[in-house]
Each structure stands twice: as C-alpha cells, then as structure tokens.
Protein backbone atom coordinates (compact mmCIF):
# COMPACT_ATOMS: atom_id res chain seq x y z
CA MET A 1 13.34 43.17 350.40
CA TRP A 2 16.43 41.07 350.97
CA PRO A 3 18.14 38.82 348.45
CA ALA A 4 16.85 35.32 347.89
CA ASP A 5 18.95 32.24 348.61
CA LEU A 6 18.44 29.86 345.71
CA ASN A 7 20.01 26.94 347.56
CA LEU A 8 17.63 27.16 350.48
CA GLY A 9 14.63 28.52 348.58
CA ARG A 10 13.97 31.36 350.99
CA ARG A 11 14.68 35.07 351.37
CA LEU A 12 17.17 36.54 353.78
CA ASP A 13 15.82 38.83 356.45
CA ALA A 14 17.65 41.51 358.44
CA ALA A 15 18.79 38.98 361.05
CA ASP A 16 20.37 36.83 358.35
CA VAL A 17 22.31 39.79 357.02
CA LEU A 18 23.50 40.77 360.48
CA THR A 19 24.67 37.20 361.07
CA ALA A 20 26.37 37.14 357.69
CA VAL A 21 28.62 40.08 358.47
CA THR A 22 29.45 39.16 362.04
CA ARG A 23 29.74 35.35 362.13
CA PRO A 24 31.61 33.95 359.12
CA SER A 25 30.69 30.29 359.58
CA ALA A 26 27.03 31.15 360.04
CA ALA A 27 27.18 33.37 356.97
CA VAL A 28 28.28 30.56 354.72
CA ASP A 29 25.59 28.28 356.09
CA ALA A 30 22.89 30.95 355.96
CA VAL A 31 23.31 31.97 352.34
CA GLY A 32 24.64 28.79 350.82
CA ALA A 33 28.00 30.26 349.86
CA GLY A 34 30.22 27.84 348.00
CA PRO A 35 32.60 27.84 345.06
CA ASP A 36 30.48 30.48 343.28
CA VAL A 37 31.44 33.11 345.85
CA ALA A 38 33.86 35.68 344.48
CA GLY A 39 36.03 35.43 347.59
CA GLY A 40 39.26 33.55 347.18
CA ILE A 41 40.30 35.82 344.32
CA LEU A 42 42.22 37.84 346.88
CA PRO A 43 44.31 36.15 349.55
CA ALA A 44 42.48 37.44 352.59
CA PRO A 45 39.39 39.63 352.06
CA PRO A 46 37.31 40.91 354.97
CA SER A 47 34.28 39.47 353.26
CA SER A 48 33.12 38.63 349.78
CA CYS A 49 29.87 38.41 347.93
CA ARG A 50 28.45 37.50 344.63
CA ARG A 51 24.89 37.44 343.32
CA GLN A 52 23.95 35.83 340.05
CA GLY A 53 20.75 35.33 338.12
CA ASN A 54 17.79 35.60 340.44
CA ASN A 55 19.36 36.76 343.67
CA LYS A 56 22.20 34.76 345.12
CA VAL A 57 24.49 36.30 347.71
CA GLY A 58 27.39 34.71 349.57
CA VAL A 59 29.43 36.32 352.35
CA ARG A 60 32.56 35.38 354.23
CA LYS A 61 34.25 37.61 356.81
CA GLU A 62 38.03 37.52 357.27
CA ARG A 63 40.84 39.90 358.15
CA THR A 64 41.03 43.35 356.56
CA VAL A 65 42.68 43.60 353.16
CA PHE A 66 43.06 46.69 351.00
CA PHE A 67 43.27 47.08 347.24
CA ASN A 68 46.54 48.65 346.21
CA ASP A 69 44.73 51.03 343.86
CA ARG A 70 41.89 51.07 341.34
CA ILE A 71 43.98 49.22 338.76
CA ASP A 72 44.63 46.42 341.23
CA ALA A 73 40.91 46.29 342.06
CA GLY A 74 40.03 46.19 338.36
CA ARG A 75 42.34 43.26 337.66
CA LYS A 76 40.92 41.25 340.52
CA LEU A 77 37.35 42.11 339.60
CA ALA A 78 38.07 41.08 336.00
CA GLN A 79 38.90 37.57 337.21
CA ALA A 80 35.46 37.34 338.80
CA LEU A 81 33.94 38.24 335.43
CA GLU A 82 35.90 35.65 333.45
CA LYS A 83 32.76 33.93 332.16
CA TYR A 84 31.96 37.04 330.08
CA LYS A 85 35.23 36.95 328.15
CA ASN A 86 34.60 37.24 324.40
CA ASP A 87 30.85 37.18 325.10
CA HIS A 88 29.71 40.28 323.19
CA VAL A 89 29.60 42.42 326.33
CA VAL A 90 29.93 46.17 326.70
CA VAL A 91 31.76 47.63 329.72
CA LEU A 92 30.38 50.97 330.95
CA ALA A 93 32.39 52.95 333.49
CA LEU A 94 30.98 55.52 335.91
CA PRO A 95 33.58 58.33 335.83
CA ARG A 96 35.83 59.31 337.21
CA GLY A 97 36.68 56.62 339.76
CA GLY A 98 35.15 53.73 337.85
CA VAL A 99 37.27 54.30 334.74
CA PRO A 100 40.59 52.68 335.81
CA VAL A 101 38.66 49.72 337.24
CA ALA A 102 36.67 49.34 334.03
CA VAL A 103 39.76 49.64 331.81
CA GLU A 104 41.25 46.49 333.35
CA ILE A 105 37.95 44.64 332.96
CA ALA A 106 37.52 45.68 329.32
CA ARG A 107 41.07 44.58 328.51
CA HIS A 108 40.64 41.22 330.19
CA LEU A 109 37.28 40.49 328.60
CA ASN A 110 38.27 41.81 325.16
CA ALA A 111 35.24 44.09 325.39
CA PRO A 112 34.57 47.65 324.24
CA LEU A 113 34.65 50.40 326.87
CA ASP A 114 32.34 53.36 327.12
CA LEU A 115 31.26 55.79 329.80
CA LEU A 116 27.91 56.02 331.55
CA LEU A 117 27.57 59.60 332.70
CA VAL A 118 25.05 60.27 335.45
CA ARG A 119 24.18 63.63 336.99
CA LYS A 120 22.00 64.23 339.99
CA ILE A 121 19.21 66.78 339.54
CA GLY A 122 19.15 68.62 342.85
CA LEU A 123 16.38 70.68 344.39
CA PRO A 124 16.80 74.39 343.60
CA MET A 125 17.09 75.38 347.29
CA TYR A 126 18.77 72.15 348.48
CA PRO A 127 20.96 70.91 345.62
CA GLU A 128 22.29 67.99 347.68
CA LEU A 129 18.81 66.48 347.77
CA ALA A 130 18.05 64.70 344.51
CA MET A 131 14.71 65.29 342.83
CA GLY A 132 15.89 63.12 339.98
CA ALA A 133 18.83 62.10 337.85
CA ILE A 134 19.77 62.37 334.20
CA VAL A 135 21.78 59.72 332.41
CA ASP A 136 23.83 59.79 329.25
CA GLY A 137 22.43 58.33 326.04
CA SER A 138 21.74 59.26 322.43
CA GLU A 139 18.90 61.20 324.06
CA ALA A 140 18.69 62.31 327.67
CA ILE A 141 17.27 59.63 329.96
CA VAL A 142 15.64 61.14 333.05
CA VAL A 143 14.77 59.37 336.29
CA ARG A 144 12.36 61.38 338.46
CA ASN A 145 12.04 61.18 342.23
CA GLU A 146 8.31 61.81 342.35
CA HIS A 147 8.19 61.60 346.15
CA VAL A 148 10.67 64.49 346.55
CA LEU A 149 9.03 66.47 343.75
CA ARG A 150 5.65 66.24 345.47
CA LEU A 151 6.94 67.07 348.94
CA ALA A 152 8.94 70.07 347.72
CA ASP A 153 6.17 71.17 345.36
CA VAL A 154 8.68 71.77 342.58
CA PRO A 155 7.22 73.49 339.49
CA GLU A 156 7.73 71.52 336.30
CA SER A 157 9.55 74.48 334.78
CA SER A 158 12.12 74.41 337.62
CA PHE A 159 12.69 70.69 337.12
CA GLU A 160 13.13 71.15 333.37
CA ASN A 161 15.61 74.00 333.86
CA ALA A 162 17.69 71.96 336.29
CA GLN A 163 17.48 68.96 333.98
CA ARG A 164 18.73 71.03 331.06
CA ARG A 165 21.73 72.33 333.04
CA GLU A 166 22.79 68.84 334.07
CA TRP A 167 22.38 67.53 330.52
CA GLU A 168 24.66 70.30 329.26
CA GLU A 169 27.27 69.21 331.82
CA ILE A 170 26.97 65.59 330.69
CA GLU A 171 27.49 66.66 327.09
CA ARG A 172 30.51 68.75 328.09
CA ARG A 173 32.07 65.84 329.93
CA ARG A 174 31.43 63.40 327.10
CA ARG A 175 33.13 65.74 324.65
CA ARG A 176 36.03 66.20 327.07
CA TYR A 177 36.49 62.50 327.73
CA LEU A 178 35.56 60.92 324.41
CA GLY A 179 35.65 63.64 321.79
CA ALA A 180 33.58 62.66 318.78
CA SER A 181 33.63 58.92 319.53
CA PRO A 182 30.15 57.39 319.08
CA ARG A 183 28.35 55.78 321.99
CA GLN A 184 28.55 52.01 322.24
CA GLU A 185 25.32 50.31 321.20
CA VAL A 186 23.91 48.29 324.11
CA PHE A 187 20.65 47.05 322.61
CA GLY A 188 20.46 43.27 323.01
CA ARG A 189 23.92 43.06 324.60
CA ILE A 190 25.20 42.19 328.07
CA VAL A 191 26.25 45.39 329.83
CA ILE A 192 28.66 45.48 332.77
CA ILE A 193 28.43 48.72 334.77
CA VAL A 194 31.61 49.38 336.72
CA ASP A 195 32.51 51.74 339.56
CA ASP A 196 35.31 51.79 342.14
CA GLY A 197 32.79 51.04 344.89
CA ILE A 198 29.30 51.77 346.11
CA ALA A 199 28.44 53.89 349.13
CA THR A 200 24.74 54.79 348.95
CA GLY A 201 23.85 53.14 345.65
CA ALA A 202 21.80 56.13 344.43
CA THR A 203 23.93 56.84 341.35
CA MET A 204 24.13 53.19 340.37
CA THR A 205 20.37 52.72 340.79
CA ALA A 206 19.65 55.70 338.54
CA ALA A 207 22.14 54.40 335.98
CA ILE A 208 20.52 50.96 335.90
CA ARG A 209 16.96 52.26 335.61
CA ALA A 210 17.92 54.58 332.79
CA LEU A 211 19.97 51.93 331.01
CA ARG A 212 16.94 49.62 330.96
CA GLN A 213 15.35 52.01 328.49
CA ARG A 214 18.14 51.19 326.02
CA LYS A 215 17.09 47.50 326.24
CA PRO A 216 20.29 45.57 326.95
CA SER A 217 19.85 41.79 327.28
CA LYS A 218 21.37 41.82 330.78
CA ILE A 219 22.74 44.36 333.25
CA VAL A 220 25.62 43.31 335.50
CA VAL A 221 26.88 45.56 338.29
CA ALA A 222 30.58 45.01 339.05
CA VAL A 223 32.28 46.77 341.97
CA PRO A 224 35.23 45.95 344.21
CA VAL A 225 33.58 46.95 347.49
CA ALA A 226 30.13 47.87 348.81
CA PRO A 227 28.00 47.57 351.95
CA LEU A 228 25.75 44.51 351.88
CA GLU A 229 22.67 46.61 352.63
CA GLU A 230 23.12 48.63 349.44
CA LEU A 231 23.67 45.49 347.37
CA ALA A 232 20.36 44.21 348.71
CA GLN A 233 18.67 47.30 347.27
CA LEU A 234 20.49 47.09 343.92
CA ASN A 235 19.46 43.46 343.86
CA GLN A 236 15.99 44.66 342.92
CA VAL A 237 17.06 46.45 339.74
CA ALA A 238 20.20 44.65 338.45
CA ASP A 239 20.25 41.22 336.81
CA GLU A 240 23.54 40.26 338.44
CA ILE A 241 25.85 41.78 341.03
CA VAL A 242 29.53 40.88 341.28
CA CYS A 243 31.20 42.39 344.34
CA LEU A 244 34.52 41.31 345.84
CA TYR A 245 34.21 42.71 349.38
CA THR A 246 31.36 43.61 351.71
CA PRO A 247 33.00 44.84 354.93
CA ALA A 248 31.12 44.27 358.17
CA PHE A 249 31.61 47.95 359.04
CA PHE A 250 31.57 50.09 355.91
CA GLU A 251 32.97 53.60 356.37
CA ALA A 252 33.93 54.84 352.93
CA ILE A 253 35.02 53.41 349.60
CA GLY A 254 38.48 54.95 349.89
CA ALA A 255 39.10 53.18 353.21
CA HIS A 256 39.56 49.94 351.28
CA TYR A 257 42.26 51.25 348.96
CA ARG A 258 45.88 51.98 349.84
CA ASP A 259 45.97 54.53 347.01
CA PHE A 260 42.67 56.30 346.39
CA ARG A 261 43.91 59.51 344.85
CA GLN A 262 41.44 61.69 342.96
CA LEU A 263 41.53 61.43 339.19
CA SER A 264 41.64 64.41 336.87
CA ASP A 265 39.86 64.77 333.54
CA ASP A 266 43.24 64.26 331.86
CA ASP A 267 43.66 60.97 333.73
CA VAL A 268 40.27 59.79 332.45
CA VAL A 269 41.09 60.75 328.85
CA ALA A 270 44.44 58.94 328.98
CA LEU A 271 42.88 55.79 330.43
CA ILE A 272 40.16 55.65 327.79
CA LYS A 273 42.71 56.09 324.99
CA SER A 274 44.70 53.15 326.40
CA VAL A 275 41.89 50.74 325.46
CA PRO A 276 41.68 49.81 321.75
CA ALA A 277 38.45 50.90 320.07
CA MET A 278 36.12 47.98 319.43
CA PRO A 279 32.66 47.68 317.81
C-alpha cells in the first residue's frame, strides 16, 4: 500500500513513486509537494520527503548532497522537527548510529533523550533470518514473525531461549550506555524515534510496533535519509515520518555521509552524558 496524497485525495501507486524519483517536476505535481516538504533545509538535496498525519509524502530530486556527519544530519533534521519544540516530547535513539543524530534533536527541542534498544531474534540455524525481534522496555516487548516461525517449524522452547539471550544483551547494553538511569516514560507523550538512516526498515518497524504497547500519544519517525519504498511501508505503522532525503538510487546509508565512521560504546556513553537529564 502506497502513501495517500491528501491534496489530491488519492493513493500513490508504483508508477507514481517511480515518477517521483526520476522526474522532479512530475513528482511535485503528483504528490502535492509544497512548503510542507522538508527539502529546502539543505541547500541542494537529491530529494526530500515528509509525511505528516494521515500519509502525506512530497519528493523533489536535485543534485547529490552529503551530510558532513551524523551531527550535521541531526542539526538539519532538528530544524524539520521545530514544531515539536517544548511540546512534551521524548526523543528515542536507535543505537549506535542514531545517538549523535538524536542528541542534536533533543537539544534543539529541549526534550529528554533515551535509547530504544532493539535486537533481532534470529533462527537457530540461520541467525541472519529474523523470526522475531525484542525491544527494550520496563518488560521485554517481543514482536514475532509468525510466517517465518511456521515455515521453519521452530519449537517454542527454541524461540524462548533465543529471546532470552537477546534480552540479556539488551540489558547489558542499557547498563553500559545508561547505567542506573530510569527509562523515560512515554505513556501519553509524543515520541520521536531517531536513526541515522533507514535501509530495510525492519528494525524501525519492530521498534514502532513494540513501542505502541507502551501507549504513546503519537509516534514520529525521524531520519536523515531513506529509500522511498521503505518509507511507504513504515507509513503503515508510524503516525508521522520526517525524512530529509530519499535518493532516487539508494545504495547504503553511509553513502550519504562524508564521515560515517563507526561509533564505539564509549562514544555512545559520552554523547548521552552530553545531554542534560530531563523528566
């Protein structure tokens, strides 16, 4: 299912999306892009998109531009989230790469920062294939891939053992990154989930579905770069998507950063400590 265009009162199909990423003038006409589009924040993005409320996407293709680094991306993304400043929001970062992006957003919005730790639960014989995911919370939140579980005929005991191992790793990482700091309460609040980009969308989808169980008032996905096709899928589970760039030909997240060095656990700890604790 493709995003809806509120201006035209119809849904985009595959042809619309193809047009949007290959013919810039047609893209603006097709999806009703106007001043709401997050493009224009950077001087010359390859494309830009923004969806708000019930499915609005705008795209404009221009010459290639890179983010300097994750901090630069976070500052620019924060501008696109200006309306949430001082609005009782919680910023949740997907570590490690999402943390420096989220730090800049939390600072700009005067919002508390926390982590949203997600671990894939892989099949015993093929760990790269997810049979589910487990997400951080006061209690473990598990998302099951029933289709994979049925096809692989995974015993419930095997799933539970794998689930337990991944939960132990989540707990270890939370202690490493945040020590004894309590989790931010998200019930009834606007939550902004931040990463440094989206490739397949699987981790973000699991995070959103699990976060729903904690009953926030609204879930916003904020990323600097992502393929339009994946945003169309996330469109079904998020309340709002704010994305700066949707390249016509998406290769990898790191291809859109001049500096995309890997972060260490120490880097994550230092970044989190740089943001003042807030209720």
